[in-house]
Amino acid sequence: MIIQDLHMHTLWDDGSNSTSDMVASAASKGLSSVGVCIHSPLPNESWCAKPENIPVFVSEMKSLAEQYSPGLSVYCGLEYDSLSSPAFEPYDYIIGSVHMLDLEGKLWAVDDSRQKSQDLLDTVFHGNTDAFAETYFAEVEKLAGIKQIDIVGHFDLLTKFNEPDPLIKTVRPRYLRAAESAMEKLSAAGKIFEINTGAISRGYRSSPYPSNALLCTLHEMGGRILLSSDAHSKDNIAFAFDIACRQARAAGFAEMAVFNGHSFSNSDLPF
């Protein structure tokens, strides 16, 4: 049974554990392969990597890959934020994400806290959740044009704080059109969508990204998925992958994408 987790973070950005601790934990959980990511740098954002630390991170990951070979395949990944400067070497794979929006000369976080998301919604969009969604998904859609990106990170991240009281109205036609337009462009460009359980492990959500409705739409489009914990601590690696698999199967998926160090092939869902 193949169990792979390609999205997790360490002390080199906003994670809680070292690279060696994360890989050791992945090995102890019986994973077939593991990928550790680093957030691409953004000025004045403490959750991102510092440029001078990236070579050290990459060196550590290479050493861990040698240490655990051949029992566990270890990969070095980048989570590239859409507002970062493009720099896609020397990583094994790239996750493309939108955490920030550049609006009216200010950077606004999409997923920092419910209060900051509410402030963004009120200040910039005057309470119009449809306009917020259209702006967010338009930014996500741009990832389709970056050929180096392999995976779309937490596609509908703007809904992070929708439980128990919805902040974003996800059933409105304008929301769905914006999300489905971005999904269609990304899927047509060959991007793989992660089913991301990170917000479950951190207590924000009871279900993964993307939503059940959007996952069904992705299946109808012929899109591809993989499983991802977005773990920020060693205890949350491969978190709730059984839930993610149930959601994937309910949407019609029987397979997931698996990285082999060079490309992505398909494999049966593990749960």
C-alpha atoms as a PDB file:
ATOM      1  CA  MET A   1       0.000   0.000   0.000  1.00  0.00           C
ATOM      2  CA  ILE A   2       1.397   3.375  -1.033  1.00  0.00           C
ATOM      3  CA  ILE A   3       1.038   6.169   1.510  1.00  0.00           C
ATOM      4  CA  GLN A   4       2.710   9.399   0.494  1.00  0.00           C
ATOM      5  CA  ASP A   5       2.561  12.837   2.099  1.00  0.00           C
ATOM      6  CA  LEU A   6       4.209  15.674   0.148  1.00  0.00           C
ATOM      7  CA  HIS A   7       3.079  18.723   2.114  1.00  0.00           C
ATOM      8  CA  MET A   8       4.555  19.501   5.525  1.00  0.00           C
ATOM      9  CA  HIS A   9       6.615  22.273   7.102  1.00  0.00           C
ATOM     10  CA  THR A  10       9.480  22.565   9.565  1.00  0.00           C
ATOM     11  CA  LEU A  11      11.307  25.058  11.756  1.00  0.00           C
ATOM     12  CA  TRP A  12      12.719  26.580   8.568  1.00  0.00           C
ATOM     13  CA  ASP A  13       9.368  28.373   8.119  1.00  0.00           C
ATOM     14  CA  ASP A  14       6.213  28.048  10.256  1.00  0.00           C
ATOM     15  CA  GLY A  15       6.545  24.431  11.379  1.00  0.00           C
ATOM     16  CA  SER A  16       7.237  23.149  14.889  1.00  0.00           C
ATOM     17  CA  ASN A  17       9.833  20.442  14.240  1.00  0.00           C
ATOM     18  CA  SER A  18      13.112  19.942  12.417  1.00  0.00           C
ATOM     19  CA  THR A  19      13.448  18.288   9.020  1.00  0.00           C
ATOM     20  CA  SER A  20      14.989  15.221  10.639  1.00  0.00           C
ATOM     21  CA  ASP A  21      12.144  14.944  13.169  1.00  0.00           C
ATOM     22  CA  MET A  22       9.519  15.176  10.417  1.00  0.00           C
ATOM     23  CA  VAL A  23      11.147  12.510   8.261  1.00  0.00           C
ATOM     24  CA  ALA A  24      11.720  10.217  11.241  1.00  0.00           C
ATOM     25  CA  SER A  25       8.060  10.552  12.177  1.00  0.00           C
ATOM     26  CA  ALA A  26       6.999   9.764   8.592  1.00  0.00           C
ATOM     27  CA  ALA A  27       9.138   6.634   8.707  1.00  0.00           C
ATOM     28  CA  SER A  28       7.652   5.562  12.044  1.00  0.00           C
ATOM     29  CA  LYS A  29       4.135   5.966  10.625  1.00  0.00           C
ATOM     30  CA  GLY A  30       4.933   3.562   7.814  1.00  0.00           C
ATOM     31  CA  LEU A  31       4.803   5.993   4.902  1.00  0.00           C
ATOM     32  CA  SER A  32       6.192   4.836   1.576  1.00  0.00           C
ATOM     33  CA  SER A  33       7.580   8.282   0.739  1.00  0.00           C
ATOM     34  CA  VAL A  34       7.580  11.757   2.191  1.00  0.00           C
ATOM     35  CA  GLY A  35       8.139  15.296   0.968  1.00  0.00           C
ATOM     36  CA  VAL A  36       9.035  18.241   3.171  1.00  0.00           C
ATOM     37  CA  CYS A  37       8.316  21.756   1.864  1.00  0.00           C
ATOM     38  CA  ILE A  38       9.564  25.235   2.557  1.00  0.00           C
ATOM     39  CA  HIS A  39       7.460  28.359   2.068  1.00  0.00           C
ATOM     40  CA  SER A  40       8.809  30.652  -0.647  1.00  0.00           C
ATOM     41  CA  PRO A  41      10.110  33.954   0.751  1.00  0.00           C
ATOM     42  CA  LEU A  42       7.896  37.022   1.071  1.00  0.00           C
ATOM     43  CA  PRO A  43       9.184  40.304   2.517  1.00  0.00           C
ATOM     44  CA  ASN A  44       8.243  40.928   6.150  1.00  0.00           C
ATOM     45  CA  GLU A  45       6.317  37.655   6.477  1.00  0.00           C
ATOM     46  CA  SER A  46       7.709  35.603   9.381  1.00  0.00           C
ATOM     47  CA  TRP A  47       5.891  32.412   8.308  1.00  0.00           C
ATOM     48  CA  CYS A  48       7.949  32.282   5.115  1.00  0.00           C
ATOM     49  CA  ALA A  49      11.504  31.085   4.638  1.00  0.00           C
ATOM     50  CA  LYS A  50      14.391  33.502   4.863  1.00  0.00           C
ATOM     51  CA  PRO A  51      16.277  33.421   1.540  1.00  0.00           C
ATOM     52  CA  GLU A  52      19.611  32.746   3.222  1.00  0.00           C
ATOM     53  CA  ASN A  53      18.220  29.619   4.914  1.00  0.00           C
ATOM     54  CA  ILE A  54      16.991  27.885   1.771  1.00  0.00           C
ATOM     55  CA  PRO A  55      20.380  26.333   0.808  1.00  0.00           C
ATOM     56  CA  VAL A  56      20.684  24.860   4.296  1.00  0.00           C
ATOM     57  CA  PHE A  57      17.177  23.401   4.097  1.00  0.00           C
ATOM     58  CA  VAL A  58      17.911  21.852   0.699  1.00  0.00           C
ATOM     59  CA  SER A  59      21.195  20.407   1.973  1.00  0.00           C
ATOM     60  CA  GLU A  60      19.448  18.857   4.977  1.00  0.00           C
ATOM     61  CA  MET A  61      16.837  17.264   2.737  1.00  0.00           C
ATOM     62  CA  LYS A  62      19.497  15.774   0.460  1.00  0.00           C
ATOM     63  CA  SER A  63      21.258  14.280   3.465  1.00  0.00           C
ATOM     64  CA  LEU A  64      18.008  12.811   4.777  1.00  0.00           C
ATOM     65  CA  ALA A  65      17.214  11.325   1.371  1.00  0.00           C
ATOM     66  CA  GLU A  66      20.558   9.524   1.434  1.00  0.00           C
ATOM     67  CA  GLN A  67      20.137   8.461   5.050  1.00  0.00           C
ATOM     68  CA  TYR A  68      16.715   6.854   4.546  1.00  0.00           C
ATOM     69  CA  SER A  69      17.326   5.331   1.116  1.00  0.00           C
ATOM     70  CA  PRO A  70      16.153   2.851  -0.025  1.00  0.00           C
ATOM     71  CA  GLY A  71      13.570   2.173   2.678  1.00  0.00           C
ATOM     72  CA  LEU A  72      11.866   5.571   2.559  1.00  0.00           C
ATOM     73  CA  SER A  73      11.947   7.945  -0.398  1.00  0.00           C
ATOM     74  CA  VAL A  74      12.503  11.517   0.827  1.00  0.00           C
ATOM     75  CA  TYR A  75      11.755  14.515  -1.407  1.00  0.00           C
ATOM     76  CA  CYS A  76      12.429  18.239  -1.143  1.00  0.00           C
ATOM     77  CA  GLY A  77       9.506  20.488  -2.038  1.00  0.00           C
ATOM     78  CA  LEU A  78       8.651  24.161  -2.373  1.00  0.00           C
ATOM     79  CA  GLU A  79       5.310  25.694  -1.470  1.00  0.00           C
ATOM     80  CA  TYR A  80       5.371  28.660  -3.809  1.00  0.00           C
ATOM     81  CA  ASP A  81       3.152  31.590  -2.915  1.00  0.00           C
ATOM     82  CA  SER A  82       1.694  33.467  -5.867  1.00  0.00           C
ATOM     83  CA  LEU A  83       3.174  36.779  -4.654  1.00  0.00           C
ATOM     84  CA  SER A  84       6.715  35.432  -4.281  1.00  0.00           C
ATOM     85  CA  SER A  85       9.481  35.900  -6.811  1.00  0.00           C
ATOM     86  CA  PRO A  86       9.697  32.818  -9.059  1.00  0.00           C
ATOM     87  CA  ALA A  87      12.571  30.556  -7.995  1.00  0.00           C
ATOM     88  CA  PHE A  88      11.880  26.892  -8.685  1.00  0.00           C
ATOM     89  CA  GLU A  89      15.310  25.276  -8.361  1.00  0.00           C
ATOM     90  CA  PRO A  90      16.546  22.934  -6.902  1.00  0.00           C
ATOM     91  CA  TYR A  91      13.304  21.379  -5.639  1.00  0.00           C
ATOM     92  CA  ASP A  92      11.878  17.989  -6.558  1.00  0.00           C
ATOM     93  CA  TYR A  93       8.315  19.293  -6.908  1.00  0.00           C
ATOM     94  CA  ILE A  94       6.364  22.528  -6.493  1.00  0.00           C
ATOM     95  CA  ILE A  95       3.093  23.237  -4.690  1.00  0.00           C
ATOM     96  CA  GLY A  96       1.418  26.470  -5.804  1.00  0.00           C
ATOM     97  CA  SER A  97      -0.692  28.311  -3.226  1.00  0.00           C
ATOM     98  CA  VAL A  98      -2.358  31.649  -2.552  1.00  0.00           C
ATOM     99  CA  HIS A  99      -1.992  32.789   1.055  1.00  0.00           C
ATOM    100  CA  MET A 100      -1.927  36.539   0.417  1.00  0.00           C
ATOM    101  CA  LEU A 101      -3.687  39.064  -1.803  1.00  0.00           C
ATOM    102  CA  ASP A 102      -2.107  42.345  -2.904  1.00  0.00           C
ATOM    103  CA  LEU A 103      -5.008  44.804  -2.714  1.00  0.00           C
ATOM    104  CA  GLU A 104      -5.018  48.591  -2.635  1.00  0.00           C
ATOM    105  CA  GLY A 105      -1.276  48.657  -1.981  1.00  0.00           C
ATOM    106  CA  LYS A 106      -1.431  46.321   1.010  1.00  0.00           C
ATOM    107  CA  LEU A 107      -0.831  42.612   1.497  1.00  0.00           C
ATOM    108  CA  TRP A 108      -3.808  40.867   3.056  1.00  0.00           C
ATOM    109  CA  ALA A 109      -3.603  37.359   4.514  1.00  0.00           C
ATOM    110  CA  VAL A 110      -6.342  34.977   3.423  1.00  0.00           C
ATOM    111  CA  ASP A 111      -5.849  32.401   6.191  1.00  0.00           C
ATOM    112  CA  ASP A 112      -4.286  34.134   9.208  1.00  0.00           C
ATOM    113  CA  SER A 113      -7.344  34.426  11.471  1.00  0.00           C
ATOM    114  CA  ARG A 114     -11.096  34.806  11.212  1.00  0.00           C
ATOM    115  CA  GLN A 115     -10.835  38.401  12.398  1.00  0.00           C
ATOM    116  CA  LYS A 116      -8.274  39.323   9.741  1.00  0.00           C
ATOM    117  CA  SER A 117     -10.376  37.642   7.064  1.00  0.00           C
ATOM    118  CA  GLN A 118     -13.385  39.584   8.309  1.00  0.00           C
ATOM    119  CA  ASP A 119     -11.362  42.809   8.203  1.00  0.00           C
ATOM    120  CA  LEU A 120     -10.329  42.054   4.607  1.00  0.00           C
ATOM    121  CA  LEU A 121     -13.910  41.301   3.648  1.00  0.00           C
ATOM    122  CA  ASP A 122     -15.237  44.490   5.280  1.00  0.00           C
ATOM    123  CA  THR A 123     -12.441  46.911   4.359  1.00  0.00           C
ATOM    124  CA  VAL A 124     -11.714  45.946   0.771  1.00  0.00           C
ATOM    125  CA  PHE A 125     -14.890  44.209  -0.378  1.00  0.00           C
ATOM    126  CA  HIS A 126     -17.440  46.034   1.809  1.00  0.00           C
ATOM    127  CA  GLY A 127     -18.929  42.755   2.944  1.00  0.00           C
ATOM    128  CA  ASN A 128     -19.348  41.322  -0.557  1.00  0.00           C
ATOM    129  CA  THR A 129     -18.256  37.702  -0.212  1.00  0.00           C
ATOM    130  CA  ASP A 130     -18.781  37.059  -3.934  1.00  0.00           C
ATOM    131  CA  ALA A 131     -16.280  39.775  -4.848  1.00  0.00           C
ATOM    132  CA  PHE A 132     -13.809  38.373  -2.314  1.00  0.00           C
ATOM    133  CA  ALA A 133     -14.163  34.886  -3.814  1.00  0.00           C
ATOM    134  CA  GLU A 134     -13.788  36.158  -7.379  1.00  0.00           C
ATOM    135  CA  THR A 135     -10.595  38.018  -6.480  1.00  0.00           C
ATOM    136  CA  TYR A 136      -9.149  35.060  -4.596  1.00  0.00           C
ATOM    137  CA  PHE A 137      -9.936  32.460  -7.257  1.00  0.00           C
ATOM    138  CA  ALA A 138      -8.657  34.740 -10.023  1.00  0.00           C
ATOM    139  CA  GLU A 139      -5.311  34.749  -8.218  1.00  0.00           C
ATOM    140  CA  VAL A 140      -5.394  30.964  -7.813  1.00  0.00           C
ATOM    141  CA  GLU A 141      -6.218  30.598 -11.505  1.00  0.00           C
ATOM    142  CA  LYS A 142      -2.960  32.364 -12.407  1.00  0.00           C
ATOM    143  CA  LEU A 143      -1.063  29.331 -11.094  1.00  0.00           C
ATOM    144  CA  ALA A 144      -2.210  27.479 -14.215  1.00  0.00           C
ATOM    145  CA  GLY A 145       0.203  29.569 -16.262  1.00  0.00           C
ATOM    146  CA  ILE A 146       3.285  28.579 -14.258  1.00  0.00           C
ATOM    147  CA  LYS A 147       4.530  25.352 -15.813  1.00  0.00           C
ATOM    148  CA  GLN A 148       6.822  24.453 -12.907  1.00  0.00           C
ATOM    149  CA  ILE A 149       3.886  24.078 -10.506  1.00  0.00           C
ATOM    150  CA  ASP A 150       2.827  20.468 -10.038  1.00  0.00           C
ATOM    151  CA  ILE A 151       0.251  20.675  -7.246  1.00  0.00           C
ATOM    152  CA  VAL A 152      -2.450  23.179  -6.246  1.00  0.00           C
ATOM    153  CA  GLY A 153      -2.347  23.790  -2.501  1.00  0.00           C
ATOM    154  CA  HIS A 154      -5.558  24.009  -0.406  1.00  0.00           C
ATOM    155  CA  PHE A 155      -7.634  25.229  -3.368  1.00  0.00           C
ATOM    156  CA  ASP A 156     -10.456  26.908  -1.403  1.00  0.00           C
ATOM    157  CA  LEU A 157      -8.324  28.220   1.468  1.00  0.00           C
ATOM    158  CA  LEU A 158     -10.495  31.332   1.833  1.00  0.00           C
ATOM    159  CA  THR A 159     -13.103  29.080   3.525  1.00  0.00           C
ATOM    160  CA  LYS A 160     -10.754  28.155   6.379  1.00  0.00           C
ATOM    161  CA  PHE A 161     -12.885  29.977   8.954  1.00  0.00           C
ATOM    162  CA  ASN A 162     -16.300  28.895   7.679  1.00  0.00           C
ATOM    163  CA  GLU A 163     -17.125  26.690  10.669  1.00  0.00           C
ATOM    164  CA  PRO A 164     -19.368  26.893  12.542  1.00  0.00           C
ATOM    165  CA  ASP A 165     -20.639  30.229  11.219  1.00  0.00           C
ATOM    166  CA  PRO A 166     -19.900  30.635   7.482  1.00  0.00           C
ATOM    167  CA  LEU A 167     -17.806  33.675   6.655  1.00  0.00           C
ATOM    168  CA  ILE A 168     -17.883  32.971   2.905  1.00  0.00           C
ATOM    169  CA  LYS A 169     -21.122  31.977   1.159  1.00  0.00           C
ATOM    170  CA  THR A 170     -19.974  28.975  -0.847  1.00  0.00           C
ATOM    171  CA  VAL A 171     -23.325  28.039  -2.401  1.00  0.00           C
ATOM    172  CA  ARG A 172     -23.853  31.334  -4.197  1.00  0.00           C
ATOM    173  CA  PRO A 173     -23.669  31.173  -8.014  1.00  0.00           C
ATOM    174  CA  ARG A 174     -20.888  33.765  -8.298  1.00  0.00           C
ATOM    175  CA  TYR A 175     -18.736  31.876  -5.796  1.00  0.00           C
ATOM    176  CA  LEU A 176     -19.225  28.603  -7.640  1.00  0.00           C
ATOM    177  CA  ARG A 177     -18.550  30.142 -11.053  1.00  0.00           C
ATOM    178  CA  ALA A 178     -15.309  31.692  -9.817  1.00  0.00           C
ATOM    179  CA  ALA A 179     -14.138  28.479  -8.169  1.00  0.00           C
ATOM    180  CA  GLU A 180     -15.103  26.254 -11.088  1.00  0.00           C
ATOM    181  CA  SER A 181     -13.460  28.582 -13.630  1.00  0.00           C
ATOM    182  CA  ALA A 182     -10.167  28.433 -11.738  1.00  0.00           C
ATOM    183  CA  MET A 183     -10.472  24.681 -11.256  1.00  0.00           C
ATOM    184  CA  GLU A 184     -11.106  24.139 -14.953  1.00  0.00           C
ATOM    185  CA  LYS A 185      -8.064  26.192 -16.001  1.00  0.00           C
ATOM    186  CA  LEU A 186      -5.804  24.492 -13.471  1.00  0.00           C
ATOM    187  CA  SER A 187      -7.019  21.017 -14.336  1.00  0.00           C
ATOM    188  CA  ALA A 188      -6.609  21.683 -18.075  1.00  0.00           C
ATOM    189  CA  ALA A 189      -3.022  22.776 -17.345  1.00  0.00           C
ATOM    190  CA  GLY A 190      -2.342  19.396 -15.742  1.00  0.00           C
ATOM    191  CA  LYS A 191      -2.156  20.605 -12.148  1.00  0.00           C
ATOM    192  CA  ILE A 192      -2.914  18.078  -9.400  1.00  0.00           C
ATOM    193  CA  PHE A 193      -5.219  19.125  -6.547  1.00  0.00           C
ATOM    194  CA  GLU A 194      -4.312  18.127  -3.031  1.00  0.00           C
ATOM    195  CA  ILE A 195      -6.975  16.946  -0.630  1.00  0.00           C
ATOM    196  CA  ASN A 196      -5.542  18.871   2.290  1.00  0.00           C
ATOM    197  CA  THR A 197      -6.325  17.853   5.880  1.00  0.00           C
ATOM    198  CA  GLY A 198      -4.267  20.557   7.588  1.00  0.00           C
ATOM    199  CA  ALA A 199      -7.194  22.624   8.830  1.00  0.00           C
ATOM    200  CA  ILE A 200      -8.700  19.521  10.440  1.00  0.00           C
ATOM    201  CA  SER A 201      -5.566  18.741  12.438  1.00  0.00           C
ATOM    202  CA  ARG A 202      -5.351  22.353  13.607  1.00  0.00           C
ATOM    203  CA  GLY A 203      -9.002  22.456  14.681  1.00  0.00           C
ATOM    204  CA  TYR A 204     -10.406  24.903  12.131  1.00  0.00           C
ATOM    205  CA  ARG A 205     -12.436  22.537   9.976  1.00  0.00           C
ATOM    206  CA  SER A 206     -14.145  19.157  10.118  1.00  0.00           C
ATOM    207  CA  SER A 207     -13.487  18.333   6.459  1.00  0.00           C
ATOM    208  CA  PRO A 208     -10.550  18.765   4.050  1.00  0.00           C
ATOM    209  CA  TYR A 209      -9.972  21.220   1.244  1.00  0.00           C
ATOM    210  CA  PRO A 210     -11.459  21.308  -1.329  1.00  0.00           C
ATOM    211  CA  SER A 211     -15.125  21.073  -0.367  1.00  0.00           C
ATOM    212  CA  ASN A 212     -17.196  18.033  -1.265  1.00  0.00           C
ATOM    213  CA  ALA A 213     -19.038  19.988  -3.956  1.00  0.00           C
ATOM    214  CA  LEU A 214     -15.847  21.229  -5.605  1.00  0.00           C
ATOM    215  CA  LEU A 215     -14.246  17.805  -5.406  1.00  0.00           C
ATOM    216  CA  CYS A 216     -17.217  16.343  -7.275  1.00  0.00           C
ATOM    217  CA  THR A 217     -16.807  19.036  -9.916  1.00  0.00           C
ATOM    218  CA  LEU A 218     -13.101  18.240 -10.203  1.00  0.00           C
ATOM    219  CA  HIS A 219     -13.897  14.574 -10.802  1.00  0.00           C
ATOM    220  CA  GLU A 220     -16.389  15.501 -13.515  1.00  0.00           C
ATOM    221  CA  MET A 221     -13.631  17.561 -15.170  1.00  0.00           C
ATOM    222  CA  GLY A 222     -11.267  14.591 -15.155  1.00  0.00           C
ATOM    223  CA  GLY A 223      -8.962  16.249 -12.627  1.00  0.00           C
ATOM    224  CA  ARG A 224      -6.339  14.524 -10.487  1.00  0.00           C
ATOM    225  CA  ILE A 225      -5.885  14.448  -6.718  1.00  0.00           C
ATOM    226  CA  LEU A 226      -3.355  13.484  -4.082  1.00  0.00           C
ATOM    227  CA  LEU A 227      -3.446  13.305  -0.289  1.00  0.00           C
ATOM    228  CA  SER A 228      -1.723  15.937   1.816  1.00  0.00           C
ATOM    229  CA  SER A 229      -1.590  16.673   5.545  1.00  0.00           C
ATOM    230  CA  ASP A 230       0.007  20.135   5.385  1.00  0.00           C
ATOM    231  CA  ALA A 231       1.476  19.051   8.725  1.00  0.00           C
ATOM    232  CA  HIS A 232       3.218  21.708  10.801  1.00  0.00           C
ATOM    233  CA  SER A 233       4.203  19.217  13.477  1.00  0.00           C
ATOM    234  CA  LYS A 234       5.493  15.661  13.358  1.00  0.00           C
ATOM    235  CA  ASP A 235       2.356  14.292  15.032  1.00  0.00           C
ATOM    236  CA  ASN A 236       0.097  15.429  12.182  1.00  0.00           C
ATOM    237  CA  ILE A 237       1.826  13.745   9.253  1.00  0.00           C
ATOM    238  CA  ALA A 238      -0.735  11.811   7.148  1.00  0.00           C
ATOM    239  CA  PHE A 239      -3.440  13.175   9.441  1.00  0.00           C
ATOM    240  CA  ALA A 240      -6.999  12.005   8.665  1.00  0.00           C
ATOM    241  CA  PHE A 241      -6.021  10.417   5.353  1.00  0.00           C
ATOM    242  CA  ASP A 242      -8.878   7.970   5.897  1.00  0.00           C
ATOM    243  CA  ILE A 243     -11.300  10.909   5.939  1.00  0.00           C
ATOM    244  CA  ALA A 244      -9.685  12.353   2.817  1.00  0.00           C
ATOM    245  CA  CYS A 245     -10.039   9.014   1.036  1.00  0.00           C
ATOM    246  CA  ARG A 246     -13.698   8.722   1.988  1.00  0.00           C
ATOM    247  CA  GLN A 247     -14.307  12.212   0.605  1.00  0.00           C
ATOM    248  CA  ALA A 248     -12.434  11.341  -2.584  1.00  0.00           C
ATOM    249  CA  ARG A 249     -14.377   8.116  -3.089  1.00  0.00           C
ATOM    250  CA  ALA A 250     -17.678   9.873  -2.452  1.00  0.00           C
ATOM    251  CA  ALA A 251     -16.776  12.296  -5.243  1.00  0.00           C
ATOM    252  CA  GLY A 252     -16.057   9.419  -7.616  1.00  0.00           C
ATOM    253  CA  PHE A 253     -12.272   9.069  -7.343  1.00  0.00           C
ATOM    254  CA  ALA A 254     -10.640   5.650  -7.071  1.00  0.00           C
ATOM    255  CA  GLU A 255      -7.027   6.730  -7.663  1.00  0.00           C
ATOM    256  CA  MET A 256      -4.585   9.377  -6.510  1.00  0.00           C
ATOM    257  CA  ALA A 257      -1.418  10.811  -7.982  1.00  0.00           C
ATOM    258  CA  VAL A 258       1.894   9.596  -6.540  1.00  0.00           C
ATOM    259  CA  PHE A 259       5.292  11.220  -7.042  1.00  0.00           C
ATOM    260  CA  ASN A 260       8.235   8.953  -7.864  1.00  0.00           C
ATOM    261  CA  GLY A 261      10.995  11.556  -7.797  1.00  0.00           C
ATOM    262  CA  HIS A 262      10.597  12.513 -11.439  1.00  0.00           C
ATOM    263  CA  SER A 263       6.908  12.465 -12.363  1.00  0.00           C
ATOM    264  CA  PHE A 264       3.432  11.672 -11.047  1.00  0.00           C
ATOM    265  CA  SER A 265       1.703   8.369 -11.767  1.00  0.00           C
ATOM    266  CA  ASN A 266      -1.616   7.004 -10.526  1.00  0.00           C
ATOM    267  CA  SER A 267      -2.149   4.590  -7.659  1.00  0.00           C
ATOM    268  CA  ASP A 268      -5.188   3.233  -5.820  1.00  0.00           C
ATOM    269  CA  LEU A 269      -6.421   5.231  -2.847  1.00  0.00           C
ATOM    270  CA  PRO A 270      -4.887   3.640   0.266  1.00  0.00           C
ATOM    271  CA  PHE A 271      -7.957   3.674   2.528  1.00  0.00           C
END
